[in-house]
Amino acid sequence: MRRLLGFPLTLAWLALAPATATAVEAPSLTVFAATDLAFAFREIAPRFEKATGARVTLVFGSTGNFAHQIRQGGPADVFFAADQSFVDALVTERVLLGETRTLYAQGRIVLATARAFGPRLTELRALLDPRIRRVAIANPAHAPYGRAAEEALRKAGVWEALRPKLVYGENIRHTLQFIQTGAVDAGIVARSVATVPEIEWVAIDAGLHAPLNQATAVVRRSPRPELGLAFIQFVNGAEGRPIMKRYGFMVPGEF
């Protein structure tokens, strides 16, 4: 991958860009990122922009849908998935640059209760309570956090009984909005988006579902692979890691 051989020099140039590239249009980067990253990346991206002079466009959505869009030519420079398997598949298909494939986090799911409902739920079996009319999870067909929610509910022995109550969010932020607005009484969402005023939450035992190991890589057709790799390293570096941990992610070296 010859374009990346000059990455250290490119990163050095990026570090100087705010001071020396005033007459040149700032380099731009489009990041397709799983919605569990919305809160963390909205803090990380401005710091990267300040450090490099680049402009970052964040596009949030479900990992499965993004994988399909990137495969079909979607305009991403770098892809942050909520499940490493999607990145690995695109690397195998040579859609993503395997040299840039990096684990950046492990996610967690939580049982969330709308404050308007009343008592906070503390276990998955409580979702069977007749007072709980609707329960939101992300769509397991294309959202890794939805798949983890289904696995946990199956292992808890409540999946079949709960299915008539289920409402599916397009992604984890959409699922959170169902709970925030009172459209549902409870749900299962990512720990990284759960700290909002409208809900209360408790952690779900990580042993109830497969690990949510999250990976990223640069899109092969990106015209600026060095910038994409710089953003990946920034997320995994001294600036990004504390922010990721504050939003409940485990970071490489911790899992």
Protein backbone atom coordinates (compact mmCIF):
# COMPACT_ATOMS: atom_id res chain seq x y z
CA MET A 1 0.00 0.00 0.00
CA ARG A 2 2.33 2.71 -1.29
CA ARG A 3 0.08 5.63 -0.50
CA LEU A 4 0.41 4.92 3.21
CA LEU A 5 4.20 4.56 3.24
CA GLY A 6 4.52 8.30 3.67
CA PHE A 7 2.07 8.43 6.55
CA PRO A 8 4.48 9.75 9.24
CA LEU A 9 5.43 12.64 6.95
CA THR A 10 1.77 13.24 6.11
CA LEU A 11 0.79 13.30 9.78
CA ALA A 12 3.60 15.76 10.48
CA TRP A 13 2.22 18.00 7.71
CA LEU A 14 -1.27 17.70 9.16
CA ALA A 15 0.01 18.82 12.53
CA LEU A 16 1.36 21.99 10.91
CA ALA A 17 -1.67 22.57 8.71
CA PRO A 18 -3.50 25.09 10.94
CA ALA A 19 -0.49 27.40 10.82
CA THR A 20 0.74 26.92 7.24
CA ALA A 21 -2.21 25.97 5.04
CA THR A 22 -4.37 29.06 5.45
CA ALA A 23 -4.44 29.67 1.69
CA VAL A 24 -5.27 26.04 0.91
CA GLU A 25 -8.65 24.43 1.40
CA ALA A 26 -8.60 22.24 4.51
CA PRO A 27 -8.44 18.49 3.81
CA SER A 28 -11.75 16.77 4.46
CA LEU A 29 -12.64 13.38 5.88
CA THR A 30 -15.99 11.57 5.86
CA VAL A 31 -16.42 9.08 8.68
CA PHE A 32 -19.19 6.48 8.60
CA ALA A 33 -19.63 5.47 12.26
CA ALA A 34 -21.98 3.23 14.20
CA THR A 35 -24.52 5.22 16.18
CA ASP A 36 -23.18 4.04 19.54
CA LEU A 37 -20.26 6.39 18.80
CA ALA A 38 -22.37 9.52 18.36
CA PHE A 39 -21.72 11.13 21.75
CA ALA A 40 -18.03 10.20 21.94
CA PHE A 41 -17.15 11.14 18.36
CA ARG A 42 -18.86 14.53 18.64
CA GLU A 43 -16.23 15.29 21.27
CA ILE A 44 -13.32 13.61 19.53
CA ALA A 45 -13.81 15.01 16.01
CA PRO A 46 -13.43 18.73 16.96
CA ARG A 47 -10.19 17.92 18.79
CA PHE A 48 -8.87 16.12 15.71
CA GLU A 49 -9.86 19.08 13.54
CA LYS A 50 -8.04 21.48 15.85
CA ALA A 51 -4.93 19.29 15.91
CA THR A 52 -4.75 18.72 12.15
CA GLY A 53 -6.64 21.51 10.39
CA ALA A 54 -8.80 18.89 8.68
CA ARG A 55 -12.58 19.01 8.35
CA VAL A 56 -14.42 15.92 9.59
CA THR A 57 -17.93 14.98 8.50
CA LEU A 58 -19.51 12.43 10.84
CA VAL A 59 -22.29 10.24 9.47
CA PHE A 60 -23.97 7.95 12.01
CA GLY A 61 -26.10 4.90 11.25
CA SER A 62 -26.41 1.15 11.64
CA THR A 63 -23.29 -0.86 10.97
CA GLY A 64 -25.02 -3.32 8.64
CA ASN A 65 -26.52 -0.59 6.50
CA PHE A 66 -23.20 1.24 6.28
CA ALA A 67 -21.39 -1.94 5.24
CA HIS A 68 -23.86 -2.30 2.39
CA GLN A 69 -23.52 1.36 1.37
CA ILE A 70 -19.72 1.23 1.38
CA ARG A 71 -19.80 -1.97 -0.66
CA GLN A 72 -21.99 -0.13 -3.18
CA GLY A 73 -19.71 2.92 -3.36
CA GLY A 74 -20.93 5.05 -0.44
CA PRO A 75 -18.76 8.17 0.07
CA ALA A 76 -16.91 7.15 3.23
CA ASP A 77 -13.18 7.57 3.83
CA VAL A 78 -13.12 5.47 7.00
CA PHE A 79 -15.61 3.04 8.56
CA PHE A 80 -16.08 2.56 12.32
CA ALA A 81 -18.24 -0.52 12.84
CA ALA A 82 -20.00 -1.73 15.99
CA ASP A 83 -19.00 -5.30 15.11
CA GLN A 84 -15.61 -6.33 13.81
CA SER A 85 -17.13 -8.98 11.52
CA PHE A 86 -18.45 -6.30 9.14
CA VAL A 87 -15.00 -4.76 8.79
CA ASP A 88 -13.37 -8.16 8.35
CA ALA A 89 -15.81 -9.05 5.56
CA LEU A 90 -15.08 -5.81 3.71
CA VAL A 91 -11.34 -6.31 4.14
CA THR A 92 -11.69 -9.79 2.62
CA GLU A 93 -13.61 -8.26 -0.28
CA ARG A 94 -10.83 -5.66 -0.68
CA VAL A 95 -13.28 -2.82 -0.08
CA LEU A 96 -11.35 -1.73 3.02
CA LEU A 97 -7.56 -1.53 3.41
CA GLY A 98 -6.51 -4.49 5.55
CA GLU A 99 -3.32 -2.69 6.60
CA THR A 100 -5.45 -0.14 8.47
CA ARG A 101 -7.83 -2.60 10.19
CA THR A 102 -7.81 -1.78 13.91
CA LEU A 103 -9.79 -2.75 17.00
CA TYR A 104 -10.81 0.44 18.78
CA ALA A 105 -13.38 -0.53 21.44
CA GLN A 106 -15.60 -3.11 23.05
CA GLY A 107 -19.18 -2.06 23.68
CA ARG A 108 -21.66 -2.87 26.43
CA ILE A 109 -25.44 -3.10 26.52
CA VAL A 110 -27.71 -1.88 29.31
CA LEU A 111 -31.32 -2.36 30.36
CA ALA A 112 -32.92 1.08 30.15
CA THR A 113 -36.16 2.23 31.75
CA ALA A 114 -38.03 5.41 30.83
CA ARG A 115 -38.19 7.64 33.90
CA ALA A 116 -41.82 8.35 33.01
CA PHE A 117 -42.60 4.67 33.52
CA GLY A 118 -41.74 4.73 37.20
CA PRO A 119 -39.65 2.02 38.90
CA ARG A 120 -36.29 1.21 37.36
CA LEU A 121 -35.97 -2.31 35.99
CA THR A 122 -33.00 -4.28 37.29
CA GLU A 123 -33.23 -7.60 35.43
CA LEU A 124 -34.31 -8.79 31.99
CA ARG A 125 -37.13 -10.96 33.33
CA ALA A 126 -38.79 -7.79 34.62
CA LEU A 127 -39.58 -6.92 31.00
CA LEU A 128 -42.33 -9.54 31.18
CA ASP A 129 -44.22 -7.45 33.74
CA PRO A 130 -47.68 -6.70 32.27
CA ARG A 131 -47.19 -3.02 33.08
CA ILE A 132 -44.40 -2.98 30.48
CA ARG A 133 -46.34 -2.59 27.25
CA ARG A 134 -43.56 -1.95 24.71
CA VAL A 135 -39.83 -2.71 24.72
CA ALA A 136 -37.34 -1.27 22.22
CA ILE A 137 -34.22 -2.90 20.83
CA ALA A 138 -32.20 -2.14 17.72
CA ASN A 139 -33.07 -4.30 14.72
CA PRO A 140 -30.98 -7.48 15.05
CA ALA A 141 -30.99 -7.90 11.26
CA HIS A 142 -28.43 -5.15 10.76
CA ALA A 143 -27.55 -3.60 14.14
CA PRO A 144 -24.90 -5.40 16.26
CA TYR A 145 -26.36 -4.02 19.49
CA GLY A 146 -29.74 -5.40 18.48
CA ARG A 147 -28.17 -8.78 17.89
CA ALA A 148 -26.53 -8.62 21.33
CA ALA A 149 -29.90 -7.68 22.86
CA GLU A 150 -31.57 -10.67 21.23
CA GLU A 151 -28.81 -13.00 22.44
CA ALA A 152 -29.14 -11.70 26.00
CA LEU A 153 -32.92 -12.04 25.98
CA ARG A 154 -32.69 -15.58 24.63
CA LYS A 155 -30.15 -16.59 27.27
CA ALA A 156 -32.36 -15.05 29.95
CA GLY A 157 -35.20 -17.22 28.67
CA VAL A 158 -37.58 -14.37 27.85
CA TRP A 159 -37.20 -13.84 24.08
CA GLU A 160 -40.25 -15.72 22.86
CA ALA A 161 -42.57 -14.34 25.54
CA LEU A 162 -41.29 -10.82 24.94
CA ARG A 163 -41.54 -10.76 21.13
CA PRO A 164 -45.12 -9.35 21.00
CA LYS A 165 -43.91 -6.31 22.95
CA LEU A 166 -40.83 -5.58 20.87
CA VAL A 167 -40.36 -2.38 18.87
CA TYR A 168 -37.31 -2.28 16.60
CA GLY A 169 -35.15 0.80 16.19
CA GLU A 170 -33.28 1.37 12.95
CA ASN A 171 -30.10 1.82 15.00
CA ILE A 172 -29.14 2.24 18.64
CA ARG A 173 -29.79 6.02 18.72
CA HIS A 174 -33.22 5.50 17.19
CA THR A 175 -33.86 2.86 19.85
CA LEU A 176 -32.81 5.30 22.56
CA GLN A 177 -35.21 7.91 21.19
CA PHE A 178 -38.13 5.49 21.59
CA ILE A 179 -37.34 5.34 25.33
CA GLN A 180 -36.57 9.04 25.72
CA THR A 181 -39.88 10.11 24.18
CA GLY A 182 -41.96 7.60 26.15
CA ALA A 183 -42.97 5.70 23.00
CA VAL A 184 -41.85 2.57 24.87
CA ASP A 185 -41.51 1.81 28.56
CA ALA A 186 -38.09 0.18 28.45
CA GLY A 187 -35.42 -1.11 26.11
CA ILE A 188 -31.89 -2.34 25.60
CA VAL A 189 -29.36 0.21 24.34
CA ALA A 190 -25.63 0.81 24.22
CA ARG A 191 -23.99 1.98 27.43
CA SER A 192 -22.30 4.73 25.39
CA VAL A 193 -25.58 6.55 24.70
CA ALA A 194 -27.46 5.74 27.93
CA THR A 195 -26.45 8.72 30.04
CA VAL A 196 -29.39 10.96 29.16
CA PRO A 197 -31.87 12.59 31.55
CA GLU A 198 -34.96 10.70 30.38
CA ILE A 199 -33.84 7.19 31.32
CA GLU A 200 -32.36 5.07 34.08
CA TRP A 201 -30.25 2.04 33.31
CA VAL A 202 -28.45 -0.97 34.71
CA ALA A 203 -25.69 -2.95 33.03
CA ILE A 204 -26.51 -6.30 31.44
CA ASP A 205 -24.15 -9.20 32.17
CA ALA A 206 -21.64 -9.29 29.29
CA GLY A 207 -21.67 -13.09 29.52
CA LEU A 208 -25.19 -13.13 28.08
CA HIS A 209 -24.02 -12.16 24.59
CA ALA A 210 -21.03 -12.41 22.28
CA PRO A 211 -18.41 -9.69 22.84
CA LEU A 212 -19.15 -6.45 20.99
CA ASN A 213 -15.62 -6.03 19.66
CA GLN A 214 -15.61 -2.98 17.41
CA ALA A 215 -13.21 -2.43 14.51
CA THR A 216 -12.38 0.23 11.94
CA ALA A 217 -10.51 0.54 8.67
CA VAL A 218 -9.88 2.99 5.85
CA VAL A 219 -11.95 2.63 2.67
CA ARG A 220 -9.72 1.50 -0.21
CA ARG A 221 -11.05 4.05 -2.69
CA SER A 222 -10.54 6.99 -0.31
CA PRO A 223 -8.38 9.71 -1.88
CA ARG A 224 -6.94 10.53 1.56
CA PRO A 225 -6.02 7.23 3.29
CA GLU A 226 -3.34 8.90 5.40
CA LEU A 227 -5.93 11.23 6.93
CA GLY A 228 -8.29 8.34 7.63
CA LEU A 229 -5.50 6.42 9.35
CA ALA A 230 -4.59 9.54 11.33
CA PHE A 231 -8.17 9.75 12.64
CA ILE A 232 -8.13 6.07 13.63
CA GLN A 233 -4.89 6.60 15.54
CA PHE A 234 -6.31 9.73 17.17
CA VAL A 235 -9.33 7.78 18.47
CA ASN A 236 -7.01 5.10 19.85
CA GLY A 237 -4.50 7.62 21.18
CA ALA A 238 -4.03 9.87 24.19
CA GLU A 239 -6.82 12.27 23.17
CA GLY A 240 -9.45 9.73 22.17
CA ARG A 241 -9.11 6.91 24.68
CA PRO A 242 -10.20 8.89 27.79
CA ILE A 243 -13.30 10.11 25.96
CA MET A 244 -14.19 6.61 24.78
CA LYS A 245 -13.79 5.25 28.32
CA ARG A 246 -15.96 8.03 29.75
CA TYR A 247 -18.80 6.86 27.51
CA GLY A 248 -18.53 3.32 28.79
CA PHE A 249 -16.39 1.69 26.12
CA MET A 250 -13.57 -0.66 26.96
CA VAL A 251 -10.52 0.26 24.89
CA PRO A 252 -7.75 -1.93 23.43
CA GLY A 253 -5.65 -3.44 26.19
CA GLU A 254 -8.68 -3.79 28.45
CA PHE A 255 -10.39 -6.68 26.62
